[in-house]
C-alpha atoms as a PDB file:
ATOM      1  CA  UNK A   1     115.194 100.357 111.434  1.00  0.00           C
ATOM      2  CA  UNK A   2     114.123 100.625 107.797  1.00  0.00           C
ATOM      3  CA  UNK A   3     110.406 100.588 106.778  1.00  0.00           C
ATOM      4  CA  UNK A   4     108.863  97.260 106.231  1.00  0.00           C
ATOM      5  CA  UNK A   5     105.870  98.850 104.655  1.00  0.00           C
ATOM      6  CA  UNK A   6     106.371 102.172 102.615  1.00  0.00           C
ATOM      7  CA  UNK A   7     103.664 103.937 100.800  1.00  0.00           C
ATOM      8  CA  UNK A   8     104.398 107.032  98.697  1.00  0.00           C
ATOM      9  CA  UNK A   9     102.045 109.482  97.079  1.00  0.00           C
ATOM     10  CA  UNK A  10      99.189 106.916  97.023  1.00  0.00           C
ATOM     11  CA  UNK A  11      96.166 108.018  94.897  1.00  0.00           C
ATOM     12  CA  UNK A  12      93.100 106.213  93.961  1.00  0.00           C
ATOM     13  CA  UNK A  13      90.307 107.649  91.627  1.00  0.00           C
ATOM     14  CA  UNK A  14      87.467 106.008  89.739  1.00  0.00           C
ATOM     15  CA  UNK A  15      86.178 107.596  86.460  1.00  0.00           C
ATOM     16  CA  UNK A  16      82.685 108.613  86.377  1.00  0.00           C
ATOM     17  CA  UNK A  17      80.598 110.280  83.570  1.00  0.00           C
ATOM     18  CA  UNK A  18      80.866 113.592  85.327  1.00  0.00           C
ATOM     19  CA  UNK A  19      84.364 113.620  86.848  1.00  0.00           C
ATOM     20  CA  UNK A  20      86.953 111.490  88.455  1.00  0.00           C
ATOM     21  CA  UNK A  21      85.951 110.397  91.868  1.00  0.00           C
ATOM     22  CA  UNK A  22      89.150 110.716  94.100  1.00  0.00           C
ATOM     23  CA  UNK A  23      89.018 108.217  96.961  1.00  0.00           C
ATOM     24  CA  UNK A  24      92.566 108.541  98.122  1.00  0.00           C
ATOM     25  CA  UNK A  25      94.734 111.526  97.457  1.00  0.00           C
ATOM     26  CA  UNK A  26      98.504 111.614  98.445  1.00  0.00           C
ATOM     27  CA  UNK A  27      98.898 109.079 101.258  1.00  0.00           C
ATOM     28  CA  UNK A  28     102.420 108.644 102.621  1.00  0.00           C
ATOM     29  CA  UNK A  29     103.320 106.049 105.230  1.00  0.00           C
ATOM     30  CA  UNK A  30     106.488 104.409 106.571  1.00  0.00           C
ATOM     31  CA  UNK A  31     106.053 101.589 109.068  1.00  0.00           C
ATOM     32  CA  UNK A  32     108.949  99.391 110.310  1.00  0.00           C
ATOM     33  CA  UNK A  33     108.306  95.881 111.579  1.00  0.00           C
ATOM     34  CA  UNK A  34     106.663  95.616 114.901  1.00  0.00           C
ATOM     35  CA  UNK A  35     104.699  98.844 114.424  1.00  0.00           C
ATOM     36  CA  UNK A  36     100.903  99.139 114.461  1.00  0.00           C
ATOM     37  CA  UNK A  37      98.532 101.675 112.825  1.00  0.00           C
ATOM     38  CA  UNK A  38      94.904 102.348 113.257  1.00  0.00           C
ATOM     39  CA  UNK A  39      93.197 103.991 110.261  1.00  0.00           C
ATOM     40  CA  UNK A  40      90.076 105.991 111.237  1.00  0.00           C
ATOM     41  CA  UNK A  41      87.662 108.389 109.670  1.00  0.00           C
ATOM     42  CA  UNK A  42      83.976 108.632 108.717  1.00  0.00           C
ATOM     43  CA  UNK A  43      82.355 106.366 106.165  1.00  0.00           C
ATOM     44  CA  UNK A  44      83.389 107.089 102.659  1.00  0.00           C
ATOM     45  CA  UNK A  45      86.741 108.520 103.684  1.00  0.00           C
ATOM     46  CA  UNK A  46      88.759 105.827 101.854  1.00  0.00           C
ATOM     47  CA  UNK A  47      89.640 103.608 104.779  1.00  0.00           C
ATOM     48  CA  UNK A  48      88.721 100.277 103.165  1.00  0.00           C
ATOM     49  CA  UNK A  49      90.058 101.233  99.897  1.00  0.00           C
ATOM     50  CA  UNK A  50      93.448 102.033 101.532  1.00  0.00           C
ATOM     51  CA  UNK A  51      93.303  98.582 103.076  1.00  0.00           C
ATOM     52  CA  UNK A  52      92.505  96.914 100.013  1.00  0.00           C
ATOM     53  CA  UNK A  53      95.412  98.525  98.110  1.00  0.00           C
ATOM     54  CA  UNK A  54      97.817  97.676 100.930  1.00  0.00           C
ATOM     55  CA  UNK A  55      96.494  94.110 100.673  1.00  0.00           C
ATOM     56  CA  UNK A  56      96.911  94.136  96.874  1.00  0.00           C
ATOM     57  CA  UNK A  57      93.240  93.395  96.348  1.00  0.00           C
ATOM     58  CA  UNK A  58      93.007  96.761  94.438  1.00  0.00           C
ATOM     59  CA  UNK A  59      95.494  98.829  92.443  1.00  0.00           C
ATOM     60  CA  UNK A  60      96.287 102.439  93.044  1.00  0.00           C
ATOM     61  CA  UNK A  61      95.828 104.987  90.272  1.00  0.00           C
ATOM     62  CA  UNK A  62      99.318 106.425  91.039  1.00  0.00           C
ATOM     63  CA  UNK A  63     101.904 106.278  93.725  1.00  0.00           C
ATOM     64  CA  UNK A  64     103.766 103.212  95.055  1.00  0.00           C
ATOM     65  CA  UNK A  65     103.533 100.492  97.667  1.00  0.00           C
ATOM     66  CA  UNK A  66     106.469  98.565  98.774  1.00  0.00           C
ATOM     67  CA  UNK A  67     106.617  95.629 101.268  1.00  0.00           C
ATOM     68  CA  UNK A  68     110.077  94.409 102.194  1.00  0.00           C
ATOM     69  CA  UNK A  69     111.398  96.586  99.412  1.00  0.00           C
ATOM     70  CA  UNK A  70     109.256  94.856  96.778  1.00  0.00           C
ATOM     71  CA  UNK A  71     106.597  96.526  94.618  1.00  0.00           C
ATOM     72  CA  UNK A  72     103.812  93.855  94.490  1.00  0.00           C
ATOM     73  CA  UNK A  73     102.018  95.672  91.517  1.00  0.00           C
ATOM     74  CA  UNK A  74     104.911  95.049  89.352  1.00  0.00           C
ATOM     75  CA  UNK A  75     104.317  91.198  89.593  1.00  0.00           C
ATOM     76  CA  UNK A  76     102.341  88.963  87.221  1.00  0.00           C
ATOM     77  CA  UNK A  77      98.955  87.761  88.475  1.00  0.00           C
ATOM     78  CA  UNK A  78     100.092  84.322  89.558  1.00  0.00           C
ATOM     79  CA  UNK A  79     103.109  85.845  91.299  1.00  0.00           C
ATOM     80  CA  UNK A  80     100.949  88.566  92.945  1.00  0.00           C
ATOM     81  CA  UNK A  81      98.594  85.937  94.301  1.00  0.00           C
ATOM     82  CA  UNK A  82     101.608  83.967  95.799  1.00  0.00           C
ATOM     83  CA  UNK A  83     103.023  87.189  97.196  1.00  0.00           C
ATOM     84  CA  UNK A  84      99.772  87.988  98.843  1.00  0.00           C
ATOM     85  CA  UNK A  85      99.292  84.640 100.337  1.00  0.00           C
ATOM     86  CA  UNK A  86     102.748  84.349 101.754  1.00  0.00           C
ATOM     87  CA  UNK A  87     103.424  87.966 102.951  1.00  0.00           C
ATOM     88  CA  UNK A  88      99.861  89.435 103.817  1.00  0.00           C
ATOM     89  CA  UNK A  89      97.212  88.290 106.295  1.00  0.00           C
ATOM     90  CA  UNK A  90      93.586  89.452 106.323  1.00  0.00           C
ATOM     91  CA  UNK A  91      91.102  89.658 109.253  1.00  0.00           C
ATOM     92  CA  UNK A  92      87.666  91.135 108.277  1.00  0.00           C
ATOM     93  CA  UNK A  93      84.587  92.172 110.269  1.00  0.00           C
ATOM     94  CA  UNK A  94      82.935  89.109 108.952  1.00  0.00           C
ATOM     95  CA  UNK A  95      85.126  86.127 109.679  1.00  0.00           C
ATOM     96  CA  UNK A  96      84.599  84.518 106.126  1.00  0.00           C
ATOM     97  CA  UNK A  97      84.932  80.997 107.383  1.00  0.00           C
ATOM     98  CA  UNK A  98      84.026  78.148 105.162  1.00  0.00           C
ATOM     99  CA  UNK A  99      81.043  76.528 106.803  1.00  0.00           C
ATOM    100  CA  UNK A 100      81.844  72.939 105.572  1.00  0.00           C
ATOM    101  CA  UNK A 101      85.181  73.004 107.098  1.00  0.00           C
ATOM    102  CA  UNK A 102      86.226  72.494 110.821  1.00  0.00           C
ATOM    103  CA  UNK A 103      88.089  75.193 112.660  1.00  0.00           C
ATOM    104  CA  UNK A 104      91.464  73.564 112.072  1.00  0.00           C
ATOM    105  CA  UNK A 105      90.716  73.019 108.326  1.00  0.00           C
ATOM    106  CA  UNK A 106      89.664  76.780 108.053  1.00  0.00           C
ATOM    107  CA  UNK A 107      92.987  77.806 109.627  1.00  0.00           C
ATOM    108  CA  UNK A 108      94.918  75.483 107.179  1.00  0.00           C
ATOM    109  CA  UNK A 109      93.246  77.040 103.988  1.00  0.00           C
ATOM    110  CA  UNK A 110      96.189  79.441 103.227  1.00  0.00           C
ATOM    111  CA  UNK A 111      98.589  76.470 103.144  1.00  0.00           C
ATOM    112  CA  UNK A 112      96.606  74.967 100.219  1.00  0.00           C
ATOM    113  CA  UNK A 113      97.886  77.756  97.853  1.00  0.00           C
ATOM    114  CA  UNK A 114     101.477  76.893  98.416  1.00  0.00           C
ATOM    115  CA  UNK A 115     103.104  73.573  99.154  1.00  0.00           C
ATOM    116  CA  UNK A 116      99.974  72.049 100.565  1.00  0.00           C
ATOM    117  CA  UNK A 117      99.151  71.092 104.179  1.00  0.00           C
ATOM    118  CA  UNK A 118     102.514  69.807 105.453  1.00  0.00           C
ATOM    119  CA  UNK A 119     102.974  68.254 108.896  1.00  0.00           C
ATOM    120  CA  UNK A 120     104.730  71.480 109.916  1.00  0.00           C
ATOM    121  CA  UNK A 121     101.758  73.574 108.590  1.00  0.00           C
ATOM    122  CA  UNK A 122      99.145  71.420 110.522  1.00  0.00           C
ATOM    123  CA  UNK A 123     101.324  71.536 113.719  1.00  0.00           C
ATOM    124  CA  UNK A 124     101.593  75.438 113.548  1.00  0.00           C
ATOM    125  CA  UNK A 125      97.866  75.697 112.723  1.00  0.00           C
ATOM    126  CA  UNK A 126      97.163  73.688 115.920  1.00  0.00           C
ATOM    127  CA  UNK A 127      99.449  75.882 117.904  1.00  0.00           C
ATOM    128  CA  UNK A 128      97.733  78.917 116.695  1.00  0.00           C
ATOM    129  CA  UNK A 129      94.328  77.671 117.683  1.00  0.00           C
ATOM    130  CA  UNK A 130      95.707  76.754 121.191  1.00  0.00           C
ATOM    131  CA  UNK A 131      97.145  80.331 121.343  1.00  0.00           C
ATOM    132  CA  UNK A 132      93.743  81.821 120.616  1.00  0.00           C
ATOM    133  CA  UNK A 133      92.212  79.639 123.290  1.00  0.00           C
ATOM    134  CA  UNK A 134      90.429  77.097 120.874  1.00  0.00           C
ATOM    135  CA  UNK A 135      92.321  73.865 121.664  1.00  0.00           C
ATOM    136  CA  UNK A 136      89.063  72.145 122.374  1.00  0.00           C
ATOM    137  CA  UNK A 137      87.485  73.359 119.169  1.00  0.00           C
ATOM    138  CA  UNK A 138      89.824  71.864 116.456  1.00  0.00           C
ATOM    139  CA  UNK A 139      87.020  69.663 114.961  1.00  0.00           C
ATOM    140  CA  UNK A 140      84.076  72.069 115.455  1.00  0.00           C
ATOM    141  CA  UNK A 141      82.363  73.732 112.527  1.00  0.00           C
ATOM    142  CA  UNK A 142      81.771  77.540 112.356  1.00  0.00           C
ATOM    143  CA  UNK A 143      78.078  76.991 113.196  1.00  0.00           C
ATOM    144  CA  UNK A 144      79.102  75.361 116.460  1.00  0.00           C
ATOM    145  CA  UNK A 145      81.264  78.335 117.474  1.00  0.00           C
ATOM    146  CA  UNK A 146      80.303  81.761 119.019  1.00  0.00           C
ATOM    147  CA  UNK A 147      81.056  85.070 117.124  1.00  0.00           C
ATOM    148  CA  UNK A 148      84.020  85.601 119.165  1.00  0.00           C
ATOM    149  CA  UNK A 149      85.337  82.154 118.575  1.00  0.00           C
ATOM    150  CA  UNK A 150      84.811  82.432 114.900  1.00  0.00           C
ATOM    151  CA  UNK A 151      86.774  85.610 114.833  1.00  0.00           C
ATOM    152  CA  UNK A 152      89.525  83.928 116.752  1.00  0.00           C
ATOM    153  CA  UNK A 153      89.716  81.108 114.082  1.00  0.00           C
ATOM    154  CA  UNK A 154      89.956  83.968 111.478  1.00  0.00           C
ATOM    155  CA  UNK A 155      92.981  85.480 113.204  1.00  0.00           C
ATOM    156  CA  UNK A 156      94.749  82.135 113.497  1.00  0.00           C
ATOM    157  CA  UNK A 157      93.970  81.654 109.761  1.00  0.00           C
ATOM    158  CA  UNK A 158      95.467  85.053 108.854  1.00  0.00           C
ATOM    159  CA  UNK A 159      98.696  84.111 110.861  1.00  0.00           C
ATOM    160  CA  UNK A 160      99.218  80.728 109.408  1.00  0.00           C
ATOM    161  CA  UNK A 161     101.888  81.875 106.870  1.00  0.00           C
ATOM    162  CA  UNK A 162     103.503  84.257 109.329  1.00  0.00           C
ATOM    163  CA  UNK A 163     102.679  87.230 107.199  1.00  0.00           C
ATOM    164  CA  UNK A 164     104.811  90.332 107.151  1.00  0.00           C
ATOM    165  CA  UNK A 165     101.713  92.521 107.045  1.00  0.00           C
ATOM    166  CA  UNK A 166      98.580  91.865 108.843  1.00  0.00           C
ATOM    167  CA  UNK A 167      95.437  93.935 107.705  1.00  0.00           C
ATOM    168  CA  UNK A 168      92.272  94.026 109.839  1.00  0.00           C
ATOM    169  CA  UNK A 169      89.035  95.670 108.646  1.00  0.00           C
ATOM    170  CA  UNK A 170      86.659  96.405 111.456  1.00  0.00           C
ATOM    171  CA  UNK A 171      87.754  93.238 113.215  1.00  0.00           C
ATOM    172  CA  UNK A 172      85.699  93.716 116.329  1.00  0.00           C
ATOM    173  CA  UNK A 173      82.751  95.373 114.614  1.00  0.00           C
ATOM    174  CA  UNK A 174      80.343  92.421 115.050  1.00  0.00           C
ATOM    175  CA  UNK A 175      81.384  91.400 118.480  1.00  0.00           C
ATOM    176  CA  UNK A 176      80.107  92.340 122.002  1.00  0.00           C
ATOM    177  CA  UNK A 177      82.233  94.541 124.240  1.00  0.00           C
ATOM    178  CA  UNK A 178      83.841  91.654 126.087  1.00  0.00           C
ATOM    179  CA  UNK A 179      84.687  89.590 123.031  1.00  0.00           C
ATOM    180  CA  UNK A 180      85.903  92.724 121.282  1.00  0.00           C
ATOM    181  CA  UNK A 181      88.475  93.503 123.979  1.00  0.00           C
ATOM    182  CA  UNK A 182      89.597  89.711 124.057  1.00  0.00           C
ATOM    183  CA  UNK A 183      90.061  89.808 120.317  1.00  0.00           C
ATOM    184  CA  UNK A 184      91.885  93.095 120.357  1.00  0.00           C
ATOM    185  CA  UNK A 185      94.192  91.855 123.008  1.00  0.00           C
ATOM    186  CA  UNK A 186      94.885  88.732 121.156  1.00  0.00           C
ATOM    187  CA  UNK A 187      95.976  90.047 117.915  1.00  0.00           C
ATOM    188  CA  UNK A 188      98.062  92.780 119.516  1.00  0.00           C
ATOM    189  CA  UNK A 189      99.942  90.036 121.450  1.00  0.00           C
ATOM    190  CA  UNK A 190     100.462  87.902 118.476  1.00  0.00           C
ATOM    191  CA  UNK A 191     101.494  90.861 116.373  1.00  0.00           C
ATOM    192  CA  UNK A 192     104.112  91.912 118.948  1.00  0.00           C
ATOM    193  CA  UNK A 193     105.559  88.341 119.008  1.00  0.00           C
ATOM    194  CA  UNK A 194     105.786  88.053 115.227  1.00  0.00           C
ATOM    195  CA  UNK A 195     106.981  91.728 114.789  1.00  0.00           C
ATOM    196  CA  UNK A 196     104.924  92.183 111.677  1.00  0.00           C
ATOM    197  CA  UNK A 197     103.265  95.481 110.592  1.00  0.00           C
ATOM    198  CA  UNK A 198      99.615  95.557 111.807  1.00  0.00           C
ATOM    199  CA  UNK A 199      97.120  98.026 110.227  1.00  0.00           C
ATOM    200  CA  UNK A 200      93.484  98.128 111.326  1.00  0.00           C
ATOM    201  CA  UNK A 201      90.590 100.070 109.931  1.00  0.00           C
ATOM    202  CA  UNK A 202      88.041 100.840 112.778  1.00  0.00           C
ATOM    203  CA  UNK A 203      85.354 103.161 113.886  1.00  0.00           C
ATOM    204  CA  UNK A 204      86.104 102.130 117.509  1.00  0.00           C
ATOM    205  CA  UNK A 205      87.888 104.688 119.454  1.00  0.00           C
ATOM    206  CA  UNK A 206      88.699 102.084 122.159  1.00  0.00           C
ATOM    207  CA  UNK A 207      90.437  99.902 119.502  1.00  0.00           C
ATOM    208  CA  UNK A 208      92.169 102.683 117.841  1.00  0.00           C
ATOM    209  CA  UNK A 209      93.597 103.932 121.130  1.00  0.00           C
ATOM    210  CA  UNK A 210      95.408 100.618 121.625  1.00  0.00           C
ATOM    211  CA  UNK A 211      97.685 101.245 118.662  1.00  0.00           C
ATOM    212  CA  UNK A 212     100.938 103.001 118.364  1.00  0.00           C
ATOM    213  CA  UNK A 213      99.972 105.377 115.502  1.00  0.00           C
ATOM    214  CA  UNK A 214      96.889 106.678 114.017  1.00  0.00           C
ATOM    215  CA  UNK A 215      96.072 107.889 110.456  1.00  0.00           C
ATOM    216  CA  UNK A 216      92.787 109.861 110.235  1.00  0.00           C
ATOM    217  CA  UNK A 217      91.349 110.153 106.796  1.00  0.00           C
ATOM    218  CA  UNK A 218      89.140 113.046 105.713  1.00  0.00           C
ATOM    219  CA  UNK A 219      87.674 112.750 102.239  1.00  0.00           C
ATOM    220  CA  UNK A 220      90.552 110.630 100.952  1.00  0.00           C
ATOM    221  CA  UNK A 221      93.395 112.825 102.415  1.00  0.00           C
ATOM    222  CA  UNK A 222      95.419 112.435 105.497  1.00  0.00           C
ATOM    223  CA  UNK A 223      93.965 114.259 108.368  1.00  0.00           C
ATOM    224  CA  UNK A 224      96.616 113.488 111.019  1.00  0.00           C
ATOM    225  CA  UNK A 225      98.536 110.705 112.755  1.00  0.00           C
END
C-alpha cells in the first residue's frame, strides 16, 4: 500500500538576530491509509510545529509534504484553504467550539466553506453526533455540555468532510481520566472505520501507547519511532 502521507527532509527554522532557530530538522515519514502515529517529546521539541505544517497552517523552510500525492504548498491561498477544509481534520486540546452555535451547528461549520449545508451534510452531521453518543444534545450549546461532550462535538466536526488526514493536538489534555479514555477510544474507532491517517501530539504515555507507531522528537530531530 502506498503512502497517503509522505514527509521528506522536513525542516523549519526561524530567523533571529543572533542565528537561525531550528525547530524541525530532517523529518521523514511515510504513512499509508489506516495508520496512526503518536508524536511525543518534551515541550519545545517541535511537536506542534510539525502538526501545524502537516495541517498546512504553517509552511516548512525546506523539505516536502505530500497528501494523496499532492503538495499542498504549491497551491494558491484559496485552493490551499479548500484543500485543507476537504482533506484535513483538526482536533485541538481546546475544542474551539463557537459558543453561539448548537452542537449540530458547530459540527456543520466545515460544510459552510464548500457547497454549504446540504441535506446530506446535515444527515451525516447528525449521524456523527449519534456515533459520539450525543444524539440527545443536537440543540444544546457548548456552555450546556461537559468538557468531554464538547471534545466529542469537536471530533464529529473534524470528521464531517471525511478527511484523509486527521490531526489531534493534545486532544485529551483537558479531560479527566475517564473522559480521556472515552475520547481516545472513540476517535481510534472512527479512524479505523474511515481508514484515514491519524496523527496525534501528546504528552500522555497512555494515549501514545494506543497508537501503531510513535515518533519521538528531541530538539526538532527524530529521536525514534
